[in-house]
Amino acid sequence: MDLTSPKNIKGLLAEYGAKPSKGLGQNFLIDKHILEKIIKTADIKSDDIILEVGPGIGTLTQELAKKAEKVIAVEKDKKMCEVLKETLKDFKNIEIINDDILKIKKLEKFKNYKVAANIPYYLTSPLIRKLLEVQNPPEFMVLMVQKEVAQRICSKPPDMSILAVSVQFYAEPKIISYVSKNCFWPAPKVDSAIIKIIPRRSAEVPFGSSADFRDSFFQVVKAGFAHPRKQLVNNLSTLKLLNGVKLDKRGAAELILSNNLKPTQRPETLNVSDWVNLTEYLTKSFEILKTSKSLC
């Protein structure tokens, strides 16, 4: 069965009493050329393990299974899982898991795998962060996401966003191509983009991505972007330090100037290295503060 045919998709869903869920962001790919582009970008080898999130009716899943050693398809919708059992019945190298990818514990056990998926728009940010923060992140991710979100993820100064900083802290993202909304049924309201995200090796992530430094980093970034249109000195002056004490404007100005930045800069003008340096400076200041207190 041609799963890129709207007629076939409608008939298949009707047979199982299912329909596209807006809440789960179900928009099915109906363009074979885009499907081929995803497969080509994923560069699948015969011994690859592929994790697919939100397989829907199995359009992409079938193509992945033709090339990979195994495909693990995680689908939250129970009815879609029933559809998948039908459309994927001829494949012996596919494991279907009916679960929420954000809650699944088995993900921690995955090793040496890649991710390829046409993911629901609402899932983009939490899924990417989860996959980048797990103990064993994928070799890379090839995802279909909302065009605007893809552009934000890949943005550079002076147009950085908190999402861009969060992703680029762990990985190198790249937009492969844009995809018209007319390549889906039902058609979403916005265009999409194929994006490839390659996680950095642990040695390349600041401080080895230790939990303490990571928490401090995102605390600083969150404060810095609290009001994107405000100057950096104003945003960071609200940052809570040791024992809940605020940094205050004078301390924020000292922090910024000590890292060769200007207090009047906007947060979107800083790159990931700038945020890392700010966090490192504050971390060292905390240690000094702790030492001073212990000597009193």
Protein backbone atom coordinates (compact mmCIF):
# COMPACT_ATOMS: atom_id res chain seq x y z
CA MET A 1 0.00 0.00 0.00
CA ASP A 2 1.25 3.47 -0.91
CA LEU A 3 1.24 5.30 2.44
CA THR A 4 1.92 8.67 0.78
CA SER A 5 -1.50 8.61 -0.92
CA PRO A 6 -4.12 10.74 0.91
CA LYS A 7 -6.82 8.40 -0.39
CA ASN A 8 -5.08 5.35 1.06
CA ILE A 9 -4.38 7.14 4.34
CA LYS A 10 -8.03 8.11 4.76
CA GLY A 11 -9.16 4.57 3.96
CA LEU A 12 -6.68 3.04 6.40
CA LEU A 13 -7.66 5.35 9.24
CA ALA A 14 -11.36 4.76 8.59
CA GLU A 15 -10.80 1.00 8.77
CA TYR A 16 -9.41 1.35 12.28
CA GLY A 17 -11.79 4.07 13.43
CA ALA A 18 -8.95 6.55 13.72
CA LYS A 19 -8.43 10.11 12.56
CA PRO A 20 -5.59 12.65 12.67
CA SER A 21 -5.27 14.14 16.16
CA LYS A 22 -4.61 17.87 16.35
CA GLY A 23 -3.60 17.48 19.98
CA LEU A 24 -0.87 15.00 19.02
CA GLY A 25 0.14 17.00 15.96
CA GLN A 26 -0.58 14.20 13.50
CA ASN A 27 0.14 15.37 9.95
CA PHE A 28 1.11 12.57 7.57
CA LEU A 29 3.83 13.00 4.95
CA ILE A 30 2.52 12.54 1.39
CA ASP A 31 5.57 13.62 -0.63
CA LYS A 32 7.90 10.79 -1.66
CA HIS A 33 10.75 13.17 -2.52
CA ILE A 34 10.78 14.56 1.02
CA LEU A 35 10.67 11.03 2.38
CA GLU A 36 13.72 10.15 0.28
CA LYS A 37 15.52 13.28 1.50
CA ILE A 38 15.03 12.28 5.14
CA ILE A 39 16.38 8.80 4.44
CA LYS A 40 19.37 10.20 2.55
CA THR A 41 20.17 12.67 5.35
CA ALA A 42 19.97 9.91 7.95
CA ASP A 43 22.68 8.01 6.03
CA ILE A 44 21.43 4.67 7.32
CA LYS A 45 23.77 1.68 7.41
CA SER A 46 22.74 -1.98 7.52
CA ASP A 47 23.86 -2.30 11.16
CA ASP A 48 22.14 0.88 12.40
CA ILE A 49 19.60 1.04 15.20
CA ILE A 50 17.06 3.78 14.46
CA LEU A 51 14.74 5.40 16.99
CA GLU A 52 11.64 6.92 15.42
CA VAL A 53 9.30 9.10 17.45
CA GLY A 54 5.68 9.48 16.39
CA PRO A 55 5.65 7.03 13.46
CA GLY A 56 1.93 7.60 12.79
CA ILE A 57 0.85 5.13 10.13
CA GLY A 58 4.40 3.96 9.41
CA THR A 59 5.25 5.84 6.21
CA LEU A 60 8.79 6.74 7.27
CA THR A 61 9.10 3.59 9.40
CA GLN A 62 8.87 1.31 6.36
CA GLU A 63 11.66 3.13 4.55
CA LEU A 64 13.87 3.13 7.64
CA ALA A 65 13.33 -0.61 8.14
CA LYS A 66 14.41 -1.37 4.57
CA LYS A 67 17.90 -0.07 5.34
CA ALA A 68 18.50 -0.40 9.09
CA GLU A 69 19.18 -3.43 11.25
CA LYS A 70 16.38 -2.42 13.60
CA VAL A 71 13.82 0.36 14.00
CA ILE A 72 12.33 1.21 17.39
CA ALA A 73 9.10 3.13 16.79
CA VAL A 74 7.63 4.93 19.81
CA GLU A 75 3.99 5.92 19.31
CA LYS A 76 1.80 7.48 22.01
CA ASP A 77 -1.54 6.97 20.21
CA LYS A 78 -3.00 3.49 20.87
CA LYS A 79 -5.09 3.48 17.71
CA MET A 80 -2.08 4.38 15.61
CA CYS A 81 -0.25 1.44 17.16
CA GLU A 82 -3.00 -0.82 15.85
CA VAL A 83 -2.59 0.73 12.40
CA LEU A 84 1.18 0.22 12.61
CA LYS A 85 0.76 -3.48 13.33
CA GLU A 86 -1.00 -3.74 9.99
CA THR A 87 1.22 -1.51 7.85
CA LEU A 88 4.44 -2.94 9.29
CA LYS A 89 3.44 -6.61 9.52
CA ASP A 90 5.86 -7.66 6.77
CA PHE A 91 8.88 -6.32 8.65
CA LYS A 92 10.64 -8.40 11.29
CA ASN A 93 13.11 -5.69 12.35
CA ILE A 94 10.64 -3.19 13.82
CA GLU A 95 9.75 -2.86 17.50
CA ILE A 96 6.62 -0.83 18.22
CA ILE A 97 6.40 0.77 21.66
CA ASN A 98 3.12 2.35 22.76
CA ASP A 99 4.39 5.00 25.17
CA ASP A 100 5.16 8.67 25.71
CA ILE A 101 8.74 9.29 24.56
CA LEU A 102 9.21 11.92 27.28
CA LYS A 103 8.40 9.37 29.99
CA ILE A 104 9.90 6.19 28.60
CA LYS A 105 12.69 4.82 30.81
CA LYS A 106 14.05 2.38 28.24
CA LEU A 107 15.64 5.31 26.42
CA GLU A 108 18.48 5.33 28.94
CA LYS A 109 19.47 1.83 27.79
CA PHE A 110 19.77 2.68 24.10
CA LYS A 111 23.32 2.65 22.71
CA ASN A 112 24.84 3.43 19.32
CA TYR A 113 21.63 4.61 17.71
CA LYS A 114 20.37 7.35 15.41
CA VAL A 115 17.07 9.24 15.49
CA ALA A 116 14.95 9.89 12.41
CA ALA A 117 11.44 11.25 12.82
CA ASN A 118 8.68 13.52 11.62
CA ILE A 119 7.85 14.77 15.09
CA PRO A 120 4.76 16.62 16.32
CA TYR A 121 5.50 20.35 16.61
CA TYR A 122 4.53 20.52 20.29
CA LEU A 123 7.15 17.89 21.10
CA THR A 124 10.15 19.56 19.46
CA SER A 125 11.85 21.41 22.34
CA PRO A 126 11.31 18.89 25.16
CA LEU A 127 12.24 15.93 22.92
CA ILE A 128 15.46 17.47 21.62
CA ARG A 129 16.59 18.43 25.10
CA LYS A 130 15.73 14.97 26.48
CA LEU A 131 17.69 13.23 23.72
CA LEU A 132 20.68 15.52 24.21
CA GLU A 133 20.74 15.08 27.99
CA VAL A 134 20.34 11.29 28.21
CA GLN A 135 23.34 9.27 29.32
CA ASN A 136 23.74 7.84 25.81
CA PRO A 137 22.66 10.49 23.28
CA PRO A 138 22.11 9.41 19.66
CA GLU A 139 24.85 9.63 17.03
CA PHE A 140 22.69 12.29 15.42
CA MET A 141 19.07 13.29 14.91
CA VAL A 142 17.29 13.95 11.63
CA LEU A 143 13.98 15.62 12.45
CA MET A 144 11.11 17.23 10.62
CA VAL A 145 10.11 20.26 12.67
CA GLN A 146 8.28 23.55 12.25
CA LYS A 147 10.23 25.89 9.95
CA GLU A 148 10.29 28.78 12.42
CA VAL A 149 11.51 26.51 15.23
CA ALA A 150 14.29 25.10 13.02
CA GLN A 151 15.44 28.64 12.25
CA ARG A 152 15.45 29.53 15.94
CA ILE A 153 17.45 26.41 16.83
CA CYS A 154 20.11 27.25 14.22
CA SER A 155 20.21 31.01 14.81
CA LYS A 156 23.44 32.93 15.48
CA PRO A 157 24.14 36.29 17.17
CA PRO A 158 22.57 38.82 17.04
CA ASP A 159 19.45 36.64 16.72
CA MET A 160 20.04 33.99 19.38
CA SER A 161 17.19 32.61 21.45
CA ILE A 162 17.08 30.57 24.62
CA LEU A 163 16.18 27.55 22.47
CA ALA A 164 19.24 28.10 20.24
CA VAL A 165 21.53 28.35 23.28
CA SER A 166 19.99 25.25 24.87
CA VAL A 167 20.52 23.10 21.76
CA GLN A 168 23.89 24.52 20.72
CA PHE A 169 25.26 23.95 24.23
CA TYR A 170 25.11 20.22 23.46
CA ALA A 171 25.14 19.96 19.68
CA GLU A 172 25.67 21.34 16.18
CA PRO A 173 22.32 21.89 14.43
CA LYS A 174 21.91 22.41 10.69
CA ILE A 175 18.89 23.00 8.46
CA ILE A 176 18.95 20.55 5.54
CA SER A 177 15.94 21.86 3.59
CA TYR A 178 12.54 23.46 3.94
CA VAL A 179 9.30 21.55 3.38
CA SER A 180 6.01 23.02 2.20
CA LYS A 181 2.92 22.47 4.33
CA ASN A 182 1.33 20.99 1.19
CA CYS A 183 3.58 17.94 1.58
CA PHE A 184 1.35 16.74 4.43
CA TRP A 185 -2.19 15.50 4.94
CA PRO A 186 -3.94 17.10 6.64
CA ALA A 187 -1.88 20.18 5.80
CA PRO A 188 -0.60 22.07 8.87
CA LYS A 189 -0.86 25.84 9.02
CA VAL A 190 2.90 26.39 8.66
CA ASP A 191 5.82 25.06 6.63
CA SER A 192 8.36 22.64 8.05
CA ALA A 193 12.09 21.98 7.84
CA ILE A 194 14.36 18.96 7.94
CA ILE A 195 17.01 19.57 10.57
CA LYS A 196 20.08 17.52 11.49
CA ILE A 197 21.45 17.76 15.03
CA ILE A 198 24.82 16.23 15.84
CA PRO A 199 25.58 15.97 19.60
CA ARG A 200 29.07 16.99 20.67
CA ARG A 201 31.32 14.37 22.16
CA SER A 202 31.30 14.53 25.96
CA ALA A 203 34.78 16.04 25.96
CA GLU A 204 33.53 18.91 23.78
CA VAL A 205 30.62 19.81 26.05
CA PRO A 206 31.59 22.49 28.63
CA PHE A 207 32.82 20.86 31.85
CA GLY A 208 31.85 17.48 30.43
CA SER A 209 28.24 18.57 30.90
CA SER A 210 28.45 17.87 34.65
CA ALA A 211 25.07 18.15 36.31
CA ASP A 212 26.16 21.00 38.59
CA PHE A 213 27.61 23.12 35.80
CA ARG A 214 24.70 22.36 33.48
CA ASP A 215 22.17 23.45 36.11
CA SER A 216 24.11 26.66 36.76
CA PHE A 217 24.46 27.31 33.03
CA PHE A 218 20.75 27.10 32.34
CA GLN A 219 19.98 29.16 35.43
CA VAL A 220 22.18 31.96 34.07
CA VAL A 221 20.77 31.66 30.54
CA LYS A 222 17.19 31.66 31.81
CA ALA A 223 17.85 34.83 33.81
CA GLY A 224 19.63 36.42 30.85
CA PHE A 225 16.68 35.82 28.56
CA ALA A 226 14.02 36.67 31.15
CA HIS A 227 13.23 39.82 29.17
CA PRO A 228 14.88 39.51 25.71
CA ARG A 229 14.38 43.19 24.86
CA LYS A 230 16.03 44.39 28.05
CA GLN A 231 19.74 45.01 28.44
CA LEU A 232 21.83 42.16 29.78
CA VAL A 233 22.75 44.04 32.96
CA ASN A 234 19.09 44.44 33.90
CA ASN A 235 18.24 40.79 33.29
CA LEU A 236 21.23 39.36 35.14
CA SER A 237 20.70 41.68 38.11
CA THR A 238 17.73 39.49 39.06
CA LEU A 239 19.83 36.30 39.12
CA LYS A 240 19.67 34.56 42.49
CA LEU A 241 23.04 33.52 43.87
CA LEU A 242 24.09 31.53 46.91
CA ASN A 243 21.40 31.34 49.61
CA GLY A 244 18.92 33.13 47.32
CA VAL A 245 20.80 36.46 47.33
CA LYS A 246 20.32 38.47 44.12
CA LEU A 247 23.31 39.52 42.04
CA ASP A 248 22.14 43.20 41.90
CA LYS A 249 22.93 45.63 39.08
CA ARG A 250 26.45 46.47 40.20
CA GLY A 251 27.40 42.80 40.49
CA ALA A 252 25.81 42.09 37.11
CA ALA A 253 27.81 44.88 35.47
CA GLU A 254 31.04 43.53 37.00
CA LEU A 255 30.22 40.03 35.78
CA ILE A 256 29.52 41.24 32.23
CA LEU A 257 32.54 43.53 31.96
CA SER A 258 34.85 40.83 33.35
CA ASN A 259 33.90 38.67 30.38
CA ASN A 260 34.60 41.33 27.75
CA LEU A 261 30.93 42.03 27.15
CA LYS A 262 28.93 45.23 27.41
CA PRO A 263 26.23 45.74 30.06
CA THR A 264 24.04 47.37 27.39
CA GLN A 265 24.07 44.27 25.15
CA ARG A 266 20.89 42.29 24.56
CA PRO A 267 20.90 38.56 25.41
CA GLU A 268 20.34 37.58 21.77
CA THR A 269 23.77 39.02 20.86
CA LEU A 270 25.67 36.48 23.00
CA ASN A 271 26.86 33.12 21.69
CA VAL A 272 27.07 29.87 23.67
CA SER A 273 30.71 30.50 24.63
CA ASP A 274 29.73 33.84 26.18
CA TRP A 275 27.13 32.15 28.38
CA VAL A 276 29.61 29.43 29.33
CA ASN A 277 32.16 32.07 30.35
CA LEU A 278 29.59 33.96 32.43
CA THR A 279 28.62 30.74 34.20
CA GLU A 280 32.23 29.75 34.81
CA TYR A 281 32.99 33.18 36.28
CA LEU A 282 30.01 32.94 38.62
CA THR A 283 30.90 29.37 39.57
CA LYS A 284 34.38 30.47 40.62
CA SER A 285 32.86 33.38 42.54
CA PHE A 286 30.64 30.94 44.43
CA GLU A 287 33.70 28.93 45.45
CA ILE A 288 35.41 32.07 46.71
CA LEU A 289 32.30 32.97 48.66
CA LYS A 290 32.09 29.49 50.17
CA THR A 291 35.78 29.59 51.16
CA SER A 292 35.44 33.04 52.74
CA LYS A 293 32.47 31.90 54.81
CA SER A 294 34.28 28.79 55.99
CA LEU A 295 37.15 30.95 57.28
CA CYS A 296 34.90 33.20 59.34
